């Protein structure tokens, strides 16, 4: 029996997500069949109960991630059903021929109100491979009936032309820019492409700089959704596997979230359309 002066807090021990709070032991952990909504792991094996002082907020009615703030969706039912949206602190890796289209889609959607699946905030877009496509953003802005100038003004673009410039930009300046504009979405476009194309850096130096970039992202961007894109994964599959959520658009659309994966029947035409317009 729980101490009346304490609150039971149920966590997923795999990703440390808070799932539920309760003043009584009203959950039979041995009979849980759900998966963690963040990492996809089986809660029957990962639920951990911790005790805390009495909570002020009412207990959560069901297992869910206890994080405040809006949820970013893609307005593509198959993808949204799989990922359940992206919240501050989430990281998504996108690769394949349609990576830029999906990144542009998410940039425009981040500007939408929360009730339409947006983040109600500007976007910081780091163009690491001269990969930004303003026409894609304009196309989605028109479909959603948004003011094109306001959309383009709401996407703050910064370009890097070498991997050393990129490392400096992310490690030293990115966090300050995100705070300055109160951005809830950061897109780093063409990250691995730049490493593949830079002839002046050897493999060990490239690995060191890339590790520094990824560490800086995780340490400083807990208040934003982070999207990293690249055209292909040549020699970088291990890096992609470090991301909890992934979308691969080579041929069919394949998705990963934690230990779960799925192949979706999505055509390029569907990726170009704004269904919630």
Protein backbone atom coordinates (compact mmCIF):
# COMPACT_ATOMS: atom_id res chain seq x y z
CA UNK A 1 0.00 0.00 0.00
CA UNK A 2 1.29 3.45 -0.89
CA UNK A 3 2.10 5.93 1.86
CA UNK A 4 -0.71 8.52 1.96
CA UNK A 5 1.96 11.25 1.97
CA UNK A 6 3.50 10.02 -1.25
CA UNK A 7 2.61 9.81 -4.93
CA UNK A 8 3.39 6.78 -7.08
CA UNK A 9 5.04 7.72 -10.39
CA UNK A 10 5.25 5.17 -13.19
CA UNK A 11 8.25 5.53 -15.54
CA UNK A 12 9.52 3.66 -18.59
CA UNK A 13 12.98 2.67 -17.38
CA UNK A 14 14.21 2.38 -20.97
CA UNK A 15 13.68 6.03 -21.99
CA UNK A 16 12.89 7.53 -18.53
CA UNK A 17 9.51 8.87 -19.69
CA UNK A 18 6.90 9.63 -17.02
CA UNK A 19 3.80 7.60 -17.91
CA UNK A 20 1.38 8.03 -15.00
CA UNK A 21 0.99 9.44 -11.51
CA UNK A 22 -1.30 8.04 -8.84
CA UNK A 23 -1.82 8.22 -5.09
CA UNK A 24 -2.82 4.55 -4.97
CA UNK A 25 -1.33 1.37 -6.39
CA UNK A 26 -4.09 1.05 -8.99
CA UNK A 27 -1.97 -0.43 -11.80
CA UNK A 28 -1.20 -4.14 -12.01
CA UNK A 29 2.21 -3.91 -13.63
CA UNK A 30 2.24 -7.62 -14.42
CA UNK A 31 -0.83 -7.26 -16.66
CA UNK A 32 0.30 -4.26 -18.74
CA UNK A 33 0.26 -5.02 -22.48
CA UNK A 34 0.88 -1.52 -23.84
CA UNK A 35 4.05 -0.23 -25.46
CA UNK A 36 5.78 2.94 -24.33
CA UNK A 37 4.44 5.77 -26.52
CA UNK A 38 7.89 7.34 -26.73
CA UNK A 39 10.44 4.52 -27.24
CA UNK A 40 8.07 1.70 -28.25
CA UNK A 41 9.41 -0.73 -25.64
CA UNK A 42 7.16 -3.22 -23.86
CA UNK A 43 5.92 -1.58 -20.64
CA UNK A 44 5.43 -4.99 -19.03
CA UNK A 45 9.21 -5.21 -18.83
CA UNK A 46 10.23 -1.57 -18.49
CA UNK A 47 7.75 0.02 -16.04
CA UNK A 48 9.46 1.33 -12.93
CA UNK A 49 7.57 2.71 -9.91
CA UNK A 50 9.07 5.61 -7.99
CA UNK A 51 7.65 7.40 -4.94
CA UNK A 52 7.51 11.18 -4.61
CA UNK A 53 5.86 13.87 -2.50
CA UNK A 54 2.15 14.47 -3.12
CA UNK A 55 1.46 15.96 -6.53
CA UNK A 56 -0.56 19.08 -7.12
CA UNK A 57 -1.89 18.24 -10.57
CA UNK A 58 -4.59 15.56 -10.96
CA UNK A 59 -3.41 12.08 -11.86
CA UNK A 60 -3.14 11.19 -15.52
CA UNK A 61 -6.12 9.15 -16.79
CA UNK A 62 -4.05 6.80 -18.94
CA UNK A 63 -0.49 5.99 -19.93
CA UNK A 64 0.95 8.92 -21.84
CA UNK A 65 4.07 11.05 -21.97
CA UNK A 66 3.81 13.67 -19.24
CA UNK A 67 5.30 16.56 -21.20
CA UNK A 68 3.63 19.89 -21.68
CA UNK A 69 3.54 21.85 -24.91
CA UNK A 70 2.17 21.33 -28.42
CA UNK A 71 2.71 18.23 -30.55
CA UNK A 72 4.06 18.51 -34.10
CA UNK A 73 2.35 16.25 -36.65
CA UNK A 74 3.01 15.64 -40.35
CA UNK A 75 -0.62 15.66 -41.54
CA UNK A 76 -0.02 12.20 -43.02
CA UNK A 77 -2.20 9.72 -41.19
CA UNK A 78 0.05 6.69 -41.60
CA UNK A 79 3.05 8.57 -40.20
CA UNK A 80 1.12 10.29 -37.42
CA UNK A 81 -0.49 7.00 -36.31
CA UNK A 82 2.97 5.46 -36.04
CA UNK A 83 4.88 8.29 -34.34
CA UNK A 84 2.02 9.92 -32.38
CA UNK A 85 3.55 13.32 -33.07
CA UNK A 86 6.80 14.95 -31.95
CA UNK A 87 7.31 16.91 -28.74
CA UNK A 88 10.08 19.11 -27.39
CA UNK A 89 13.19 17.00 -26.89
CA UNK A 90 12.31 14.52 -29.66
CA UNK A 91 14.75 13.92 -32.52
CA UNK A 92 13.80 12.65 -35.98
CA UNK A 93 16.18 11.47 -38.69
CA UNK A 94 14.94 11.65 -42.31
CA UNK A 95 16.78 10.17 -45.28
CA UNK A 96 16.10 9.37 -48.93
CA UNK A 97 14.98 11.26 -52.05
CA UNK A 98 12.03 12.94 -50.28
CA UNK A 99 13.90 14.09 -47.17
CA UNK A 100 13.83 17.73 -48.24
CA UNK A 101 10.11 17.62 -49.00
CA UNK A 102 9.27 16.21 -45.57
CA UNK A 103 11.57 18.75 -43.88
CA UNK A 104 9.85 21.61 -45.75
CA UNK A 105 6.45 20.20 -44.78
CA UNK A 106 7.44 20.15 -41.10
CA UNK A 107 8.85 23.69 -41.28
CA UNK A 108 5.52 25.06 -42.50
CA UNK A 109 3.46 22.93 -40.10
CA UNK A 110 5.52 24.14 -37.12
CA UNK A 111 4.15 27.63 -37.77
CA UNK A 112 0.55 26.43 -37.50
CA UNK A 113 -1.54 26.67 -34.29
CA UNK A 114 -1.37 23.73 -31.90
CA UNK A 115 -4.97 22.74 -32.71
CA UNK A 116 -3.85 22.12 -36.31
CA UNK A 117 -0.83 20.03 -35.31
CA UNK A 118 1.70 22.86 -35.24
CA UNK A 119 4.08 24.29 -32.66
CA UNK A 120 3.03 27.94 -32.95
CA UNK A 121 6.64 29.05 -33.28
CA UNK A 122 9.37 30.06 -35.72
CA UNK A 123 11.76 27.48 -37.16
CA UNK A 124 15.56 27.50 -37.13
CA UNK A 125 16.78 25.88 -40.36
CA UNK A 126 20.49 25.05 -40.70
CA UNK A 127 21.37 24.40 -44.32
CA UNK A 128 24.40 22.13 -44.15
CA UNK A 129 24.50 21.11 -47.80
CA UNK A 130 23.02 24.02 -49.78
CA UNK A 131 19.88 21.91 -49.62
CA UNK A 132 17.07 24.29 -48.65
CA UNK A 133 14.17 24.57 -51.10
CA UNK A 134 12.06 27.68 -50.66
CA UNK A 135 9.64 26.53 -53.35
CA UNK A 136 8.64 23.48 -51.30
CA UNK A 137 7.83 25.73 -48.34
CA UNK A 138 5.85 28.12 -50.57
CA UNK A 139 3.90 25.17 -52.00
CA UNK A 140 2.85 23.94 -48.55
CA UNK A 141 2.12 27.49 -47.33
CA UNK A 142 -0.29 27.97 -50.24
CA UNK A 143 -2.02 24.65 -49.57
CA UNK A 144 -2.58 25.63 -45.93
CA UNK A 145 -3.80 29.08 -46.93
CA UNK A 146 -1.00 30.85 -45.06
CA UNK A 147 0.57 34.21 -45.81
CA UNK A 148 3.69 33.26 -47.79
CA UNK A 149 5.75 36.22 -46.58
CA UNK A 150 4.96 35.45 -42.93
CA UNK A 151 5.87 31.79 -43.48
CA UNK A 152 9.23 32.65 -45.04
CA UNK A 153 9.90 35.24 -42.33
CA UNK A 154 9.17 32.56 -39.73
CA UNK A 155 11.91 30.23 -41.04
CA UNK A 156 15.32 31.50 -39.89
CA UNK A 157 17.94 30.05 -42.24
CA UNK A 158 21.65 29.78 -41.50
CA UNK A 159 24.14 28.21 -43.91
CA UNK A 160 27.44 26.45 -43.29
CA UNK A 161 29.87 25.59 -46.09
CA UNK A 162 32.40 23.40 -44.28
CA UNK A 163 32.03 20.85 -41.52
CA UNK A 164 34.13 23.05 -39.23
CA UNK A 165 31.74 25.98 -39.78
CA UNK A 166 28.83 23.64 -39.13
CA UNK A 167 30.35 22.32 -35.90
CA UNK A 168 31.01 25.85 -34.66
CA UNK A 169 27.50 27.00 -35.59
CA UNK A 170 25.77 24.16 -33.74
CA UNK A 171 28.06 23.96 -30.71
CA UNK A 172 28.42 27.72 -30.09
CA UNK A 173 25.50 29.60 -31.64
CA UNK A 174 22.49 27.33 -32.16
CA UNK A 175 21.22 27.31 -28.58
CA UNK A 176 21.37 31.13 -28.40
CA UNK A 177 19.47 31.48 -31.70
CA UNK A 178 16.78 29.03 -30.57
CA UNK A 179 16.27 31.01 -27.35
CA UNK A 180 16.34 34.37 -29.14
CA UNK A 181 13.54 33.42 -31.55
CA UNK A 182 11.77 31.03 -29.13
CA UNK A 183 11.89 28.37 -31.84
CA UNK A 184 10.38 24.98 -31.08
CA UNK A 185 11.65 23.30 -34.25
CA UNK A 186 15.25 22.99 -35.46
CA UNK A 187 16.01 21.44 -38.85
CA UNK A 188 19.58 20.50 -39.82
CA UNK A 189 19.40 19.73 -43.52
CA UNK A 190 22.03 17.70 -45.39
CA UNK A 191 24.14 16.97 -42.30
CA UNK A 192 25.85 13.77 -43.46
CA UNK A 193 26.01 14.97 -47.06
CA UNK A 194 28.43 17.69 -46.02
CA UNK A 195 30.66 15.16 -44.27
CA UNK A 196 30.65 12.94 -47.35
CA UNK A 197 31.58 15.78 -49.70
CA UNK A 198 34.24 17.61 -47.66
CA UNK A 199 37.62 16.59 -49.19
CA UNK A 200 39.73 18.43 -46.60
CA UNK A 201 38.92 16.34 -43.52
CA UNK A 202 40.09 12.81 -42.83
CA UNK A 203 37.79 10.10 -41.50
CA UNK A 204 38.88 10.32 -37.86
CA UNK A 205 38.48 14.10 -37.78
CA UNK A 206 35.06 13.82 -39.42
CA UNK A 207 33.93 11.27 -36.81
CA UNK A 208 35.17 13.53 -34.00
CA UNK A 209 33.35 16.59 -35.34
CA UNK A 210 30.15 14.66 -36.02
CA UNK A 211 30.18 13.24 -32.51
CA UNK A 212 30.63 16.76 -31.15
CA UNK A 213 27.67 17.98 -33.20
CA UNK A 214 25.34 15.20 -32.02
CA UNK A 215 26.37 15.70 -28.39
CA UNK A 216 25.73 19.45 -28.64
CA UNK A 217 22.27 18.83 -30.10
CA UNK A 218 21.26 16.48 -27.30
CA UNK A 219 22.64 18.68 -24.53
CA UNK A 220 21.28 22.06 -25.62
CA UNK A 221 18.02 21.50 -27.50
CA UNK A 222 15.67 19.93 -24.97
CA UNK A 223 13.05 22.63 -25.60
CA UNK A 224 12.73 21.97 -29.34
CA UNK A 225 11.95 19.18 -31.80
CA UNK A 226 15.10 18.45 -33.82
CA UNK A 227 14.95 17.14 -37.39
CA UNK A 228 18.15 15.95 -39.09
CA UNK A 229 18.10 15.07 -42.79
CA UNK A 230 20.44 13.61 -45.37
CA UNK A 231 20.00 12.34 -48.90
CA UNK A 232 21.60 8.92 -48.38
CA UNK A 233 23.18 6.85 -45.63
CA UNK A 234 26.38 5.75 -47.31
CA UNK A 235 28.78 4.67 -44.53
CA UNK A 236 26.59 6.28 -41.87
CA UNK A 237 24.03 3.63 -40.92
CA UNK A 238 25.39 3.44 -37.36
CA UNK A 239 24.76 7.15 -36.87
CA UNK A 240 21.18 6.88 -38.14
CA UNK A 241 20.53 4.03 -35.72
CA UNK A 242 21.25 6.37 -32.78
CA UNK A 243 18.09 8.34 -33.48
CA UNK A 244 14.97 7.10 -31.71
CA UNK A 245 12.72 8.02 -34.65
CA UNK A 246 13.60 7.64 -38.34
CA UNK A 247 11.94 7.95 -41.73
CA UNK A 248 13.53 6.48 -44.87
CA UNK A 249 12.00 7.52 -48.20
CA UNK A 250 14.07 5.40 -50.59
CA UNK A 251 11.48 3.55 -52.67
CA UNK A 252 8.85 2.71 -50.07
CA UNK A 253 8.54 4.74 -46.87
CA UNK A 254 10.05 2.89 -43.90
CA UNK A 255 9.77 4.16 -40.32
CA UNK A 256 11.42 3.32 -37.00
CA UNK A 257 10.55 4.31 -33.44
CA UNK A 258 12.60 2.64 -30.76
CA UNK A 259 12.44 -1.11 -31.39
CA UNK A 260 9.42 -0.85 -33.71
CA UNK A 261 9.59 -0.53 -37.49
CA UNK A 262 7.10 -0.55 -40.32
CA UNK A 263 6.89 -0.15 -44.11
CA UNK A 264 4.15 2.27 -45.17
CA UNK A 265 2.33 2.48 -48.47
CA UNK A 266 2.88 6.19 -49.11
CA UNK A 267 3.44 7.60 -52.58
CA UNK A 268 5.36 10.77 -53.45
CA UNK A 269 2.11 12.49 -54.45
CA UNK A 270 0.74 12.02 -50.91
CA UNK A 271 3.90 13.54 -49.41
CA UNK A 272 3.30 16.68 -51.50
CA UNK A 273 -0.32 17.19 -50.42
CA UNK A 274 -1.56 19.03 -47.33
CA UNK A 275 -4.60 16.99 -46.33
CA UNK A 276 -5.50 19.16 -43.33
CA UNK A 277 -5.61 22.38 -45.32
